[in-house]
Protein backbone atom coordinates (compact mmCIF):
# COMPACT_ATOMS: atom_id res chain seq x y z
CA UNK A 1 17.24 -6.45 -11.61
CA UNK A 2 17.62 -10.45 -12.53
CA UNK A 3 19.02 -12.67 -9.78
CA UNK A 4 21.93 -15.15 -11.29
CA UNK A 5 22.90 -18.40 -9.08
CA UNK A 6 26.59 -19.91 -9.41
CA UNK A 7 27.34 -22.64 -8.09
CA UNK A 8 30.57 -22.80 -7.09
CA UNK A 9 33.24 -24.96 -4.84
CA UNK A 10 35.09 -23.29 -2.49
CA UNK A 11 38.41 -23.17 -3.93
CA UNK A 12 36.33 -21.75 -7.26
CA UNK A 13 35.19 -18.99 -4.80
CA UNK A 14 38.63 -18.37 -3.17
CA UNK A 15 40.30 -18.31 -6.14
CA UNK A 16 37.83 -15.61 -8.16
CA UNK A 17 37.83 -13.39 -4.37
CA UNK A 18 41.47 -13.01 -5.37
CA UNK A 19 39.95 -10.25 -8.95
CA UNK A 20 38.14 -8.73 -6.32
CA UNK A 21 34.33 -8.87 -5.14
CA UNK A 22 32.92 -12.17 -5.72
CA UNK A 23 29.50 -10.22 -7.75
CA UNK A 24 31.63 -7.88 -9.44
CA UNK A 25 34.24 -10.55 -11.06
CA UNK A 26 31.39 -12.95 -11.78
CA UNK A 27 29.78 -9.51 -13.66
CA UNK A 28 33.01 -9.14 -15.37
CA UNK A 29 32.97 -12.49 -16.81
CA UNK A 30 29.63 -12.41 -18.00
CA UNK A 31 30.17 -8.95 -19.75
CA UNK A 32 33.64 -10.51 -21.40
CA UNK A 33 31.62 -14.07 -22.53
CA UNK A 34 29.12 -11.97 -24.23
CA UNK A 35 31.71 -8.62 -26.08
CA UNK A 36 32.86 -12.82 -27.29
CA UNK A 37 29.76 -14.14 -28.41
CA UNK A 38 29.55 -10.47 -30.37
CA UNK A 39 33.11 -11.13 -31.87
CA UNK A 40 32.19 -14.56 -33.28
CA UNK A 41 29.37 -13.38 -34.46
CA UNK A 42 30.61 -10.60 -36.05
CA UNK A 43 32.90 -12.45 -37.43
CA UNK A 44 30.75 -15.24 -38.60
CA UNK A 45 28.23 -12.65 -40.60
CA UNK A 46 31.68 -11.60 -42.14
CA UNK A 47 32.33 -15.06 -43.78
CA UNK A 48 28.69 -15.63 -44.78
CA UNK A 49 29.02 -12.29 -46.83
CA UNK A 50 32.48 -13.04 -47.51
CA UNK A 51 31.12 -16.64 -49.40
CA UNK A 52 28.05 -15.41 -50.74
CA UNK A 53 29.51 -11.97 -52.53
CA UNK A 54 32.78 -13.22 -53.30
CA UNK A 55 34.60 -10.44 -51.30
CA UNK A 56 37.86 -10.31 -49.63
CA UNK A 57 38.64 -8.65 -46.28
CA UNK A 58 42.10 -8.31 -45.16
CA UNK A 59 43.33 -9.33 -41.26
CA UNK A 60 43.05 -5.21 -40.24
CA UNK A 61 39.94 -5.03 -41.97
CA UNK A 62 38.59 -7.69 -39.64
CA UNK A 63 40.08 -6.58 -36.98
CA UNK A 64 38.68 -2.94 -37.20
CA UNK A 65 35.48 -4.29 -37.57
CA UNK A 66 35.33 -6.42 -34.19
CA UNK A 67 36.53 -3.44 -32.22
CA UNK A 68 33.22 -1.21 -33.96
CA UNK A 69 31.17 -4.03 -33.18
CA UNK A 70 32.74 -4.17 -29.36
CA UNK A 71 31.92 -0.10 -28.84
CA UNK A 72 28.36 -0.14 -29.00
């Protein structure tokens, strides 16, 4: 398993501890960050495809595709 070091101030540490065990909170934050990046990549790819193929999608389709991507 890989170890990641994070520097936190005393105040940041106490704030994070309000949400649970520090290592769990940081792990959840990393998971959320990665999910956000996957979603941004999917939206960027959709926009590229729309430009390339002159296709248009609606908001509902975009949301469905993002939810499908997050489920992977």
